[in-house]
């Protein structure tokens, strides 16, 4: 049996902050503490670039770390919509995508 769910991906980099706080940590706190969403995973990329075209990659010669991160989670559509609303202005425009999925429950 399958259950209708919603999946979300949020694209960031390790250097992203909100105020003095790490953006990844803030997002994880909201997803865990406020919404208790299912299946949160964070992927760390080895390279990537965004709309500005600046390539960020793992390199021994660079001391700063700005590698790409992808936060992926899923839950029931109402929970996902509430979580997205709570994230509000934390996520830059165009950095969050979502789509309907089927979750196998039996």
PDB file of N, CA and C in Angstrom:
ATOM      1  N   UNK A   1       0.844  -1.174   0.000  1.00  0.00           N
ATOM      2  CA  UNK A   1       0.000   0.000   0.000  1.00  0.00           C
ATOM      3  C   UNK A   1       0.894   1.243   0.000  1.00  0.00           C
ATOM      4  N   UNK A   2       0.512   2.236  -0.778  1.00  0.00           N
ATOM      5  CA  UNK A   2       1.255   3.485  -0.869  1.00  0.00           C
ATOM      6  C   UNK A   2       0.469   4.625  -0.237  1.00  0.00           C
ATOM      7  N   UNK A   3       1.219   5.609   0.250  1.00  0.00           N
ATOM      8  CA  UNK A   3       0.612   6.785   0.870  1.00  0.00           C
ATOM      9  C   UNK A   3       1.109   8.021   0.129  1.00  0.00           C
ATOM     10  N   UNK A   4       0.211   8.962  -0.149  1.00  0.00           N
ATOM     11  CA  UNK A   4       0.598  10.211  -0.803  1.00  0.00           C
ATOM     12  C   UNK A   4       1.396  11.071   0.163  1.00  0.00           C
ATOM     13  N   UNK A   5       2.563  11.495  -0.284  1.00  0.00           N
ATOM     14  CA  UNK A   5       3.448  12.338   0.518  1.00  0.00           C
ATOM     15  C   UNK A   5       3.983  13.453  -0.378  1.00  0.00           C
ATOM     16  N   UNK A   6       4.733  14.351   0.223  1.00  0.00           N
ATOM     17  CA  UNK A   6       5.374  15.448  -0.492  1.00  0.00           C
ATOM     18  C   UNK A   6       6.860  15.413  -0.152  1.00  0.00           C
ATOM     19  N   UNK A   7       7.724  15.541  -1.159  1.00  0.00           N
ATOM     20  CA  UNK A   7       9.172  15.589  -0.956  1.00  0.00           C
ATOM     21  C   UNK A   7       9.670  17.005  -1.230  1.00  0.00           C
ATOM     22  N   UNK A   8      10.752  17.382  -0.537  1.00  0.00           N
ATOM     23  CA  UNK A   8      11.312  18.726  -0.658  1.00  0.00           C
ATOM     24  C   UNK A   8      12.828  18.624  -0.731  1.00  0.00           C
ATOM     25  N   UNK A   9      13.424  19.469  -1.563  1.00  0.00           N
ATOM     26  CA  UNK A   9      14.875  19.659  -1.568  1.00  0.00           C
ATOM     27  C   UNK A   9      15.159  21.143  -1.399  1.00  0.00           C
ATOM     28  N   UNK A  10      16.119  21.430  -0.534  1.00  0.00           N
ATOM     29  CA  UNK A  10      16.566  22.798  -0.298  1.00  0.00           C
ATOM     30  C   UNK A  10      18.051  22.848  -0.634  1.00  0.00           C
ATOM     31  N   UNK A  11      18.440  23.789  -1.486  1.00  0.00           N
ATOM     32  CA  UNK A  11      19.822  23.917  -1.934  1.00  0.00           C
ATOM     33  C   UNK A  11      20.504  25.077  -1.216  1.00  0.00           C
ATOM     34  N   UNK A  12      21.635  24.778  -0.571  1.00  0.00           N
ATOM     35  CA  UNK A  12      22.404  25.764   0.195  1.00  0.00           C
ATOM     36  C   UNK A  12      23.885  25.545  -0.056  1.00  0.00           C
ATOM     37  N   UNK A  13      24.726  26.303   0.659  1.00  0.00           N
ATOM     38  CA  UNK A  13      26.132  25.942   0.764  1.00  0.00           C
ATOM     39  C   UNK A  13      26.555  26.072   2.216  1.00  0.00           C
ATOM     40  N   UNK A  14      27.682  25.476   2.535  1.00  0.00           N
ATOM     41  CA  UNK A  14      28.121  25.400   3.926  1.00  0.00           C
ATOM     42  C   UNK A  14      28.331  26.762   4.575  1.00  0.00           C
ATOM     43  N   UNK A  15      28.593  27.780   3.784  1.00  0.00           N
ATOM     44  CA  UNK A  15      28.882  29.104   4.331  1.00  0.00           C
ATOM     45  C   UNK A  15      27.628  29.928   4.611  1.00  0.00           C
ATOM     46  N   UNK A  16      26.460  29.448   4.221  1.00  0.00           N
ATOM     47  CA  UNK A  16      25.228  30.217   4.410  1.00  0.00           C
ATOM     48  C   UNK A  16      24.900  30.373   5.894  1.00  0.00           C
ATOM     49  N   UNK A  17      24.593  31.604   6.268  1.00  0.00           N
ATOM     50  CA  UNK A  17      24.241  31.918   7.656  1.00  0.00           C
ATOM     51  C   UNK A  17      23.003  32.800   7.685  1.00  0.00           C
ATOM     52  N   UNK A  18      22.317  32.758   8.810  1.00  0.00           N
ATOM     53  CA  UNK A  18      21.234  33.685   9.091  1.00  0.00           C
ATOM     54  C   UNK A  18      21.635  34.364  10.397  1.00  0.00           C
ATOM     55  N   UNK A  19      21.985  35.635  10.294  1.00  0.00           N
ATOM     56  CA  UNK A  19      22.552  36.308  11.466  1.00  0.00           C
ATOM     57  C   UNK A  19      23.874  35.653  11.824  1.00  0.00           C
ATOM     58  N   UNK A  20      24.014  35.250  13.077  1.00  0.00           N
ATOM     59  CA  UNK A  20      25.237  34.581  13.535  1.00  0.00           C
ATOM     60  C   UNK A  20      25.113  33.064  13.503  1.00  0.00           C
ATOM     61  N   UNK A  21      23.971  32.559  13.040  1.00  0.00           N
ATOM     62  CA  UNK A  21      23.708  31.127  13.088  1.00  0.00           C
ATOM     63  C   UNK A  21      23.871  30.476  11.716  1.00  0.00           C
ATOM     64  N   UNK A  22      24.367  29.260  11.719  1.00  0.00           N
ATOM     65  CA  UNK A  22      24.497  28.469  10.508  1.00  0.00           C
ATOM     66  C   UNK A  22      23.105  28.156   9.964  1.00  0.00           C
ATOM     67  N   UNK A  23      22.884  28.423   8.679  1.00  0.00           N
ATOM     68  CA  UNK A  23      21.559  28.238   8.088  1.00  0.00           C
ATOM     69  C   UNK A  23      21.126  26.778   8.125  1.00  0.00           C
ATOM     70  N   UNK A  24      22.043  25.857   7.862  1.00  0.00           N
ATOM     71  CA  UNK A  24      21.704  24.434   7.923  1.00  0.00           C
ATOM     72  C   UNK A  24      21.186  24.068   9.306  1.00  0.00           C
ATOM     73  N   UNK A  25      21.872  24.500  10.347  1.00  0.00           N
ATOM     74  CA  UNK A  25      21.452  24.188  11.716  1.00  0.00           C
ATOM     75  C   UNK A  25      20.081  24.775  12.022  1.00  0.00           C
ATOM     76  N   UNK A  26      19.824  25.981  11.554  1.00  0.00           N
ATOM     77  CA  UNK A  26      18.525  26.615  11.791  1.00  0.00           C
ATOM     78  C   UNK A  26      17.398  25.855  11.087  1.00  0.00           C
ATOM     79  N   UNK A  27      17.639  25.461   9.851  1.00  0.00           N
ATOM     80  CA  UNK A  27      16.621  24.708   9.113  1.00  0.00           C
ATOM     81  C   UNK A  27      16.357  23.368   9.783  1.00  0.00           C
ATOM     82  N   UNK A  28      17.421  22.662  10.159  1.00  0.00           N
ATOM     83  CA  UNK A  28      17.265  21.363  10.816  1.00  0.00           C
ATOM     84  C   UNK A  28      16.480  21.498  12.119  1.00  0.00           C
ATOM     85  N   UNK A  29      16.754  22.554  12.865  1.00  0.00           N
ATOM     86  CA  UNK A  29      16.046  22.782  14.128  1.00  0.00           C
ATOM     87  C   UNK A  29      14.548  22.980  13.888  1.00  0.00           C
ATOM     88  N   UNK A  30      14.208  23.768  12.889  1.00  0.00           N
ATOM     89  CA  UNK A  30      12.798  24.006  12.571  1.00  0.00           C
ATOM     90  C   UNK A  30      12.117  22.714  12.126  1.00  0.00           C
ATOM     91  N   UNK A  31      12.767  21.970  11.236  1.00  0.00           N
ATOM     92  CA  UNK A  31      12.169  20.731  10.727  1.00  0.00           C
ATOM     93  C   UNK A  31      11.996  19.696  11.827  1.00  0.00           C
ATOM     94  N   UNK A  32      12.969  19.610  12.733  1.00  0.00           N
ATOM     95  CA  UNK A  32      12.912  18.609  13.806  1.00  0.00           C
ATOM     96  C   UNK A  32      12.013  19.057  14.959  1.00  0.00           C
ATOM     97  N   UNK A  33      12.284  20.225  15.496  1.00  0.00           N
ATOM     98  CA  UNK A  33      11.605  20.658  16.720  1.00  0.00           C
ATOM     99  C   UNK A  33      10.172  21.128  16.494  1.00  0.00           C
ATOM    100  N   UNK A  34       9.941  21.869  15.426  1.00  0.00           N
ATOM    101  CA  UNK A  34       8.608  22.433  15.210  1.00  0.00           C
ATOM    102  C   UNK A  34       7.679  21.521  14.418  1.00  0.00           C
ATOM    103  N   UNK A  35       8.241  20.757  13.465  1.00  0.00           N
ATOM    104  CA  UNK A  35       7.369  20.009  12.553  1.00  0.00           C
ATOM    105  C   UNK A  35       7.549  18.497  12.601  1.00  0.00           C
ATOM    106  N   UNK A  36       8.615  18.028  13.210  1.00  0.00           N
ATOM    107  CA  UNK A  36       8.855  16.577  13.337  1.00  0.00           C
ATOM    108  C   UNK A  36       8.674  15.849  12.002  1.00  0.00           C
ATOM    109  N   UNK A  37       9.251  16.424  10.936  1.00  0.00           N
ATOM    110  CA  UNK A  37       9.101  15.812   9.616  1.00  0.00           C
ATOM    111  C   UNK A  37       9.839  14.480   9.547  1.00  0.00           C
ATOM    112  N   UNK A  38       9.397  13.635   8.634  1.00  0.00           N
ATOM    113  CA  UNK A  38       9.998  12.312   8.438  1.00  0.00           C
ATOM    114  C   UNK A  38      11.175  12.402   7.472  1.00  0.00           C
ATOM    115  N   UNK A  39      12.146  11.557   7.644  1.00  0.00           N
ATOM    116  CA  UNK A  39      13.158  11.313   6.627  1.00  0.00           C
ATOM    117  C   UNK A  39      14.024  12.471   6.211  1.00  0.00           C
ATOM    118  N   UNK A  40      14.525  13.285   7.127  1.00  0.00           N
ATOM    119  CA  UNK A  40      15.411  14.388   6.761  1.00  0.00           C
ATOM    120  C   UNK A  40      16.821  13.852   6.528  1.00  0.00           C
ATOM    121  N   UNK A  41      17.394  14.213   5.381  1.00  0.00           N
ATOM    122  CA  UNK A  41      18.765  13.839   5.051  1.00  0.00           C
ATOM    123  C   UNK A  41      19.468  15.060   4.484  1.00  0.00           C
ATOM    124  N   UNK A  42      20.749  15.231   4.836  1.00  0.00           N
ATOM    125  CA  UNK A  42      21.560  16.307   4.276  1.00  0.00           C
ATOM    126  C   UNK A  42      22.663  15.673   3.437  1.00  0.00           C
ATOM    127  N   UNK A  43      22.751  16.099   2.182  1.00  0.00           N
ATOM    128  CA  UNK A  43      23.798  15.638   1.274  1.00  0.00           C
ATOM    129  C   UNK A  43      24.831  16.750   1.126  1.00  0.00           C
ATOM    130  N   UNK A  44      26.104  16.382   1.174  1.00  0.00           N
ATOM    131  CA  UNK A  44      27.189  17.346   0.979  1.00  0.00           C
ATOM    132  C   UNK A  44      27.828  17.069  -0.377  1.00  0.00           C
ATOM    133  N   UNK A  45      27.793  18.062  -1.247  1.00  0.00           N
ATOM    134  CA  UNK A  45      28.347  17.896  -2.587  1.00  0.00           C
ATOM    135  C   UNK A  45      29.848  18.096  -2.616  1.00  0.00           C
ATOM    136  N   UNK A  46      30.481  17.586  -3.655  1.00  0.00           N
ATOM    137  CA  UNK A  46      31.922  17.786  -3.818  1.00  0.00           C
ATOM    138  C   UNK A  46      32.211  18.999  -4.688  1.00  0.00           C
ATOM    139  N   UNK A  47      31.196  19.457  -5.424  1.00  0.00           N
ATOM    140  CA  UNK A  47      31.340  20.651  -6.248  1.00  0.00           C
ATOM    141  C   UNK A  47      29.960  21.124  -6.670  1.00  0.00           C
ATOM    142  N   UNK A  48      29.890  22.402  -7.029  1.00  0.00           N
ATOM    143  CA  UNK A  48      28.635  22.938  -7.524  1.00  0.00           C
ATOM    144  C   UNK A  48      28.754  24.423  -7.820  1.00  0.00           C
ATOM    145  N   UNK A  49      27.750  24.964  -8.516  1.00  0.00           N
ATOM    146  CA  UNK A  49      27.673  26.402  -8.731  1.00  0.00           C
ATOM    147  C   UNK A  49      26.218  26.807  -8.771  1.00  0.00           C
ATOM    148  N   UNK A  50      25.976  28.060  -8.458  1.00  0.00           N
ATOM    149  CA  UNK A  50      24.617  28.575  -8.419  1.00  0.00           C
ATOM    150  C   UNK A  50      24.371  29.577  -9.525  1.00  0.00           C
ATOM    151  N   UNK A  51      23.417  30.466  -9.296  1.00  0.00           N
ATOM    152  CA  UNK A  51      23.000  31.420 -10.322  1.00  0.00           C
ATOM    153  C   UNK A  51      24.100  32.406 -10.702  1.00  0.00           C
ATOM    154  N   UNK A  52      25.030  32.663  -9.789  1.00  0.00           N
ATOM    155  CA  UNK A  52      26.131  33.587 -10.085  1.00  0.00           C
ATOM    156  C   UNK A  52      27.244  32.916 -10.884  1.00  0.00           C
ATOM    157  N   UNK A  53      27.200  31.587 -11.012  1.00  0.00           N
ATOM    158  CA  UNK A  53      28.185  30.870 -11.810  1.00  0.00           C
ATOM    159  C   UNK A  53      29.522  30.634 -11.131  1.00  0.00           C
ATOM    160  N   UNK A  54      29.636  30.959  -9.851  1.00  0.00           N
ATOM    161  CA  UNK A  54      30.888  30.737  -9.122  1.00  0.00           C
ATOM    162  C   UNK A  54      30.957  29.271  -8.714  1.00  0.00           C
ATOM    163  N   UNK A  55      32.030  28.589  -9.139  1.00  0.00           N
ATOM    164  CA  UNK A  55      32.192  27.174  -8.827  1.00  0.00           C
ATOM    165  C   UNK A  55      32.782  27.031  -7.432  1.00  0.00           C
ATOM    166  N   UNK A  56      32.138  26.218  -6.608  1.00  0.00           N
ATOM    167  CA  UNK A  56      32.632  25.877  -5.279  1.00  0.00           C
ATOM    168  C   UNK A  56      32.973  24.396  -5.313  1.00  0.00           C
ATOM    169  N   UNK A  57      34.214  24.079  -4.939  1.00  0.00           N
ATOM    170  CA  UNK A  57      34.613  22.673  -4.974  1.00  0.00           C
ATOM    171  C   UNK A  57      35.570  22.372  -3.838  1.00  0.00           C
ATOM    172  N   UNK A  58      35.710  21.091  -3.563  1.00  0.00           N
ATOM    173  CA  UNK A  58      36.639  20.622  -2.543  1.00  0.00           C
ATOM    174  C   UNK A  58      38.045  20.721  -3.119  1.00  0.00           C
ATOM    175  N   UNK A  59      38.890  21.516  -2.480  1.00  0.00           N
ATOM    176  CA  UNK A  59      40.232  21.763  -3.001  1.00  0.00           C
ATOM    177  C   UNK A  59      41.177  21.970  -1.826  1.00  0.00           C
ATOM    178  N   UNK A  60      42.276  21.258  -1.819  1.00  0.00           N
ATOM    179  CA  UNK A  60      43.239  21.383  -0.719  1.00  0.00           C
ATOM    180  C   UNK A  60      43.876  22.761  -0.643  1.00  0.00           C
ATOM    181  N   UNK A  61      43.879  23.506  -1.742  1.00  0.00           N
ATOM    182  CA  UNK A  61      44.507  24.822  -1.757  1.00  0.00           C
ATOM    183  C   UNK A  61      43.615  25.914  -1.179  1.00  0.00           C
ATOM    184  N   UNK A  62      42.328  25.637  -1.058  1.00  0.00           N
ATOM    185  CA  UNK A  62      41.400  26.629  -0.519  1.00  0.00           C
ATOM    186  C   UNK A  62      41.135  26.344   0.947  1.00  0.00           C
ATOM    187  N   UNK A  63      41.207  27.375   1.761  1.00  0.00           N
ATOM    188  CA  UNK A  63      40.965  27.208   3.189  1.00  0.00           C
ATOM    189  C   UNK A  63      39.497  27.396   3.549  1.00  0.00           C
ATOM    190  N   UNK A  64      38.773  28.159   2.746  1.00  0.00           N
ATOM    191  CA  UNK A  64      37.356  28.364   3.036  1.00  0.00           C
ATOM    192  C   UNK A  64      36.539  27.211   2.470  1.00  0.00           C
ATOM    193  N   UNK A  65      35.487  26.874   3.171  1.00  0.00           N
ATOM    194  CA  UNK A  65      34.641  25.770   2.734  1.00  0.00           C
ATOM    195  C   UNK A  65      33.259  26.324   2.404  1.00  0.00           C
ATOM    196  N   UNK A  66      32.904  26.235   1.139  1.00  0.00           N
ATOM    197  CA  UNK A  66      31.581  26.675   0.688  1.00  0.00           C
ATOM    198  C   UNK A  66      30.971  25.606  -0.206  1.00  0.00           C
ATOM    199  N   UNK A  67      31.100  24.355   0.217  1.00  0.00           N
ATOM    200  CA  UNK A  67      30.587  23.263  -0.597  1.00  0.00           C
ATOM    201  C   UNK A  67      29.062  23.256  -0.603  1.00  0.00           C
ATOM    202  N   UNK A  68      28.475  22.758  -1.693  1.00  0.00           N
ATOM    203  CA  UNK A  68      27.017  22.713  -1.772  1.00  0.00           C
ATOM    204  C   UNK A  68      26.425  21.701  -0.800  1.00  0.00           C
ATOM    205  N   UNK A  69      25.262  22.045  -0.279  1.00  0.00           N
ATOM    206  CA  UNK A  69      24.487  21.161   0.589  1.00  0.00           C
ATOM    207  C   UNK A  69      23.084  21.037   0.016  1.00  0.00           C
ATOM    208  N   UNK A  70      22.508  19.849   0.151  1.00  0.00           N
ATOM    209  CA  UNK A  70      21.112  19.633  -0.219  1.00  0.00           C
ATOM    210  C   UNK A  70      20.420  18.999   0.975  1.00  0.00           C
ATOM    211  N   UNK A  71      19.378  19.655   1.461  1.00  0.00           N
ATOM    212  CA  UNK A  71      18.544  19.097   2.524  1.00  0.00           C
ATOM    213  C   UNK A  71      17.331  18.483   1.839  1.00  0.00           C
ATOM    214  N   UNK A  72      17.067  17.220   2.126  1.00  0.00           N
ATOM    215  CA  UNK A  72      15.909  16.557   1.536  1.00  0.00           C
ATOM    216  C   UNK A  72      15.052  15.987   2.649  1.00  0.00           C
ATOM    217  N   UNK A  73      13.743  16.189   2.542  1.00  0.00           N
ATOM    218  CA  UNK A  73      12.831  15.608   3.521  1.00  0.00           C
ATOM    219  C   UNK A  73      11.493  15.324   2.873  1.00  0.00           C
ATOM    220  N   UNK A  74      10.679  14.531   3.566  1.00  0.00           N
ATOM    221  CA  UNK A  74       9.345  14.229   3.070  1.00  0.00           C
ATOM    222  C   UNK A  74       8.397  14.061   4.245  1.00  0.00           C
ATOM    223  N   UNK A  75       7.137  14.250   3.967  1.00  0.00           N
ATOM    224  CA  UNK A  75       6.080  14.044   4.958  1.00  0.00           C
ATOM    225  C   UNK A  75       4.747  14.214   4.247  1.00  0.00           C
ATOM    226  N   UNK A  76       3.684  14.198   5.025  1.00  0.00           N
ATOM    227  CA  UNK A  76       2.360  14.441   4.462  1.00  0.00           C
ATOM    228  C   UNK A  76       2.305  15.874   3.928  1.00  0.00           C
ATOM    229  N   UNK A  77       1.553  16.102   2.853  1.00  0.00           N
ATOM    230  CA  UNK A  77       1.527  17.427   2.238  1.00  0.00           C
ATOM    231  C   UNK A  77       1.229  18.578   3.201  1.00  0.00           C
ATOM    232  N   UNK A  78       0.311  18.405   4.133  1.00  0.00           N
ATOM    233  CA  UNK A  78      -0.013  19.487   5.077  1.00  0.00           C
ATOM    234  C   UNK A  78       1.177  19.818   5.971  1.00  0.00           C
ATOM    235  N   UNK A  79       1.898  18.798   6.407  1.00  0.00           N
ATOM    236  CA  UNK A  79       3.081  19.015   7.251  1.00  0.00           C
ATOM    237  C   UNK A  79       4.176  19.716   6.467  1.00  0.00           C
ATOM    238  N   UNK A  80       4.377  19.303   5.224  1.00  0.00           N
ATOM    239  CA  UNK A  80       5.398  19.925   4.377  1.00  0.00           C
ATOM    240  C   UNK A  80       5.060  21.390   4.124  1.00  0.00           C
ATOM    241  N   UNK A  81       3.810  21.677   3.810  1.00  0.00           N
ATOM    242  CA  UNK A  81       3.417  23.069   3.559  1.00  0.00           C
ATOM    243  C   UNK A  81       3.618  23.933   4.801  1.00  0.00           C
ATOM    244  N   UNK A  82       3.306  23.404   5.976  1.00  0.00           N
ATOM    245  CA  UNK A  82       3.528  24.145   7.222  1.00  0.00           C
ATOM    246  C   UNK A  82       5.017  24.366   7.460  1.00  0.00           C
ATOM    247  N   UNK A  83       5.832  23.355   7.177  1.00  0.00           N
ATOM    248  CA  UNK A  83       7.283  23.485   7.358  1.00  0.00           C
ATOM    249  C   UNK A  83       7.849  24.534   6.411  1.00  0.00           C
ATOM    250  N   UNK A  84       7.427  24.499   5.157  1.00  0.00           N
ATOM    251  CA  UNK A  84       7.898  25.486   4.183  1.00  0.00           C
ATOM    252  C   UNK A  84       7.505  26.893   4.624  1.00  0.00           C
ATOM    253  N   UNK A  85       6.292  27.058   5.121  1.00  0.00           N
ATOM    254  CA  UNK A  85       5.849  28.371   5.606  1.00  0.00           C
ATOM    255  C   UNK A  85       6.702  28.838   6.782  1.00  0.00           C
ATOM    256  N   UNK A  86       7.076  27.912   7.678  1.00  0.00           N
ATOM    257  CA  UNK A  86       7.905  28.270   8.834  1.00  0.00           C
ATOM    258  C   UNK A  86       9.312  28.676   8.427  1.00  0.00           C
ATOM    259  N   UNK A  87       9.800  28.097   7.342  1.00  0.00           N
ATOM    260  CA  UNK A  87      11.150  28.436   6.883  1.00  0.00           C
ATOM    261  C   UNK A  87      11.185  29.837   6.291  1.00  0.00           C
ATOM    262  N   UNK A  88      10.024  30.286   5.816  1.00  0.00           N
ATOM    263  CA  UNK A  88       9.845  31.667   5.374  1.00  0.00           C
ATOM    264  C   UNK A  88      11.005  32.240   4.597  1.00  0.00           C
ATOM    265  N   UNK A  89      11.550  33.324   5.109  1.00  0.00           N
ATOM    266  CA  UNK A  89      12.603  34.060   4.415  1.00  0.00           C
ATOM    267  C   UNK A  89      13.993  33.459   4.596  1.00  0.00           C
ATOM    268  N   UNK A  90      14.115  32.342   5.310  1.00  0.00           N
ATOM    269  CA  UNK A  90      15.431  31.718   5.482  1.00  0.00           C
ATOM    270  C   UNK A  90      15.970  31.158   4.170  1.00  0.00           C
ATOM    271  N   UNK A  91      15.078  30.683   3.312  1.00  0.00           N
ATOM    272  CA  UNK A  91      15.479  30.032   2.071  1.00  0.00           C
ATOM    273  C   UNK A  91      15.477  31.062   0.942  1.00  0.00           C
ATOM    274  N   UNK A  92      16.612  31.239   0.260  1.00  0.00           N
ATOM    275  CA  UNK A  92      16.634  32.184  -0.862  1.00  0.00           C
ATOM    276  C   UNK A  92      15.663  31.754  -1.966  1.00  0.00           C
ATOM    277  N   UNK A  93      15.068  32.704  -2.674  1.00  0.00           N
ATOM    278  CA  UNK A  93      14.151  32.366  -3.764  1.00  0.00           C
ATOM    279  C   UNK A  93      14.822  31.428  -4.778  1.00  0.00           C
ATOM    280  N   UNK A  94      14.078  30.422  -5.214  1.00  0.00           N
ATOM    281  CA  UNK A  94      14.591  29.489  -6.206  1.00  0.00           C
ATOM    282  C   UNK A  94      15.449  28.371  -5.653  1.00  0.00           C
ATOM    283  N   UNK A  95      15.607  28.295  -4.334  1.00  0.00           N
ATOM    284  CA  UNK A  95      16.463  27.277  -3.721  1.00  0.00           C
ATOM    285  C   UNK A  95      15.673  26.163  -3.050  1.00  0.00           C
ATOM    286  N   UNK A  96      14.371  26.138  -3.228  1.00  0.00           N
ATOM    287  CA  UNK A  96      13.533  25.096  -2.641  1.00  0.00           C
ATOM    288  C   UNK A  96      12.634  24.542  -3.737  1.00  0.00           C
ATOM    289  N   UNK A  97      12.651  23.216  -3.879  1.00  0.00           N
ATOM    290  CA  UNK A  97      11.745  22.566  -4.817  1.00  0.00           C
ATOM    291  C   UNK A  97      10.964  21.490  -4.072  1.00  0.00           C
ATOM    292  N   UNK A  98       9.764  21.199  -4.552  1.00  0.00           N
ATOM    293  CA  UNK A  98       8.961  20.141  -3.930  1.00  0.00           C
ATOM    294  C   UNK A  98       8.151  19.438  -5.005  1.00  0.00           C
ATOM    295  N   UNK A  99       7.776  18.203  -4.703  1.00  0.00           N
ATOM    296  CA  UNK A  99       7.001  17.414  -5.641  1.00  0.00           C
ATOM    297  C   UNK A  99       6.265  16.311  -4.893  1.00  0.00           C
ATOM    298  N   UNK A 100       5.144  15.835  -5.456  1.00  0.00           N
ATOM    299  CA  UNK A 100       4.402  14.744  -4.820  1.00  0.00           C
ATOM    300  C   UNK A 100       5.145  13.418  -5.005  1.00  0.00           C
ATOM    301  N   UNK A 101       5.096  12.574  -3.971  1.00  0.00           N
ATOM    302  CA  UNK A 101       5.725  11.251  -4.013  1.00  0.00           C
ATOM    303  C   UNK A 101       4.783  10.223  -3.403  1.00  0.00           C
ATOM    304  N   UNK A 102       5.079   8.978  -3.641  1.00  0.00           N
ATOM    305  CA  UNK A 102       4.368   7.864  -3.028  1.00  0.00           C
ATOM    306  C   UNK A 102       5.317   7.195  -2.044  1.00  0.00           C
ATOM    307  N   UNK A 103       4.855   6.973  -0.830  1.00  0.00           N
ATOM    308  CA  UNK A 103       5.646   6.293   0.193  1.00  0.00           C
ATOM    309  C   UNK A 103       5.045   4.904   0.413  1.00  0.00           C
ATOM    310  N   UNK A 104       5.859   3.904   0.257  1.00  0.00           N
ATOM    311  CA  UNK A 104       5.376   2.538   0.478  1.00  0.00           C
ATOM    312  C   UNK A 104       5.276   2.295   1.977  1.00  0.00           C
ATOM    313  N   UNK A 105       4.087   1.972   2.456  1.00  0.00           N
ATOM    314  CA  UNK A 105       3.862   1.785   3.895  1.00  0.00           C
ATOM    315  C   UNK A 105       3.617   0.334   4.279  1.00  0.00           C
ATOM    316  N   UNK A 106       3.455  -0.554   3.321  1.00  0.00           N
ATOM    317  CA  UNK A 106       3.329  -1.985   3.633  1.00  0.00           C
ATOM    318  C   UNK A 106       4.129  -2.801   2.652  1.00  0.00           C
TER     319      UNK A 106
END
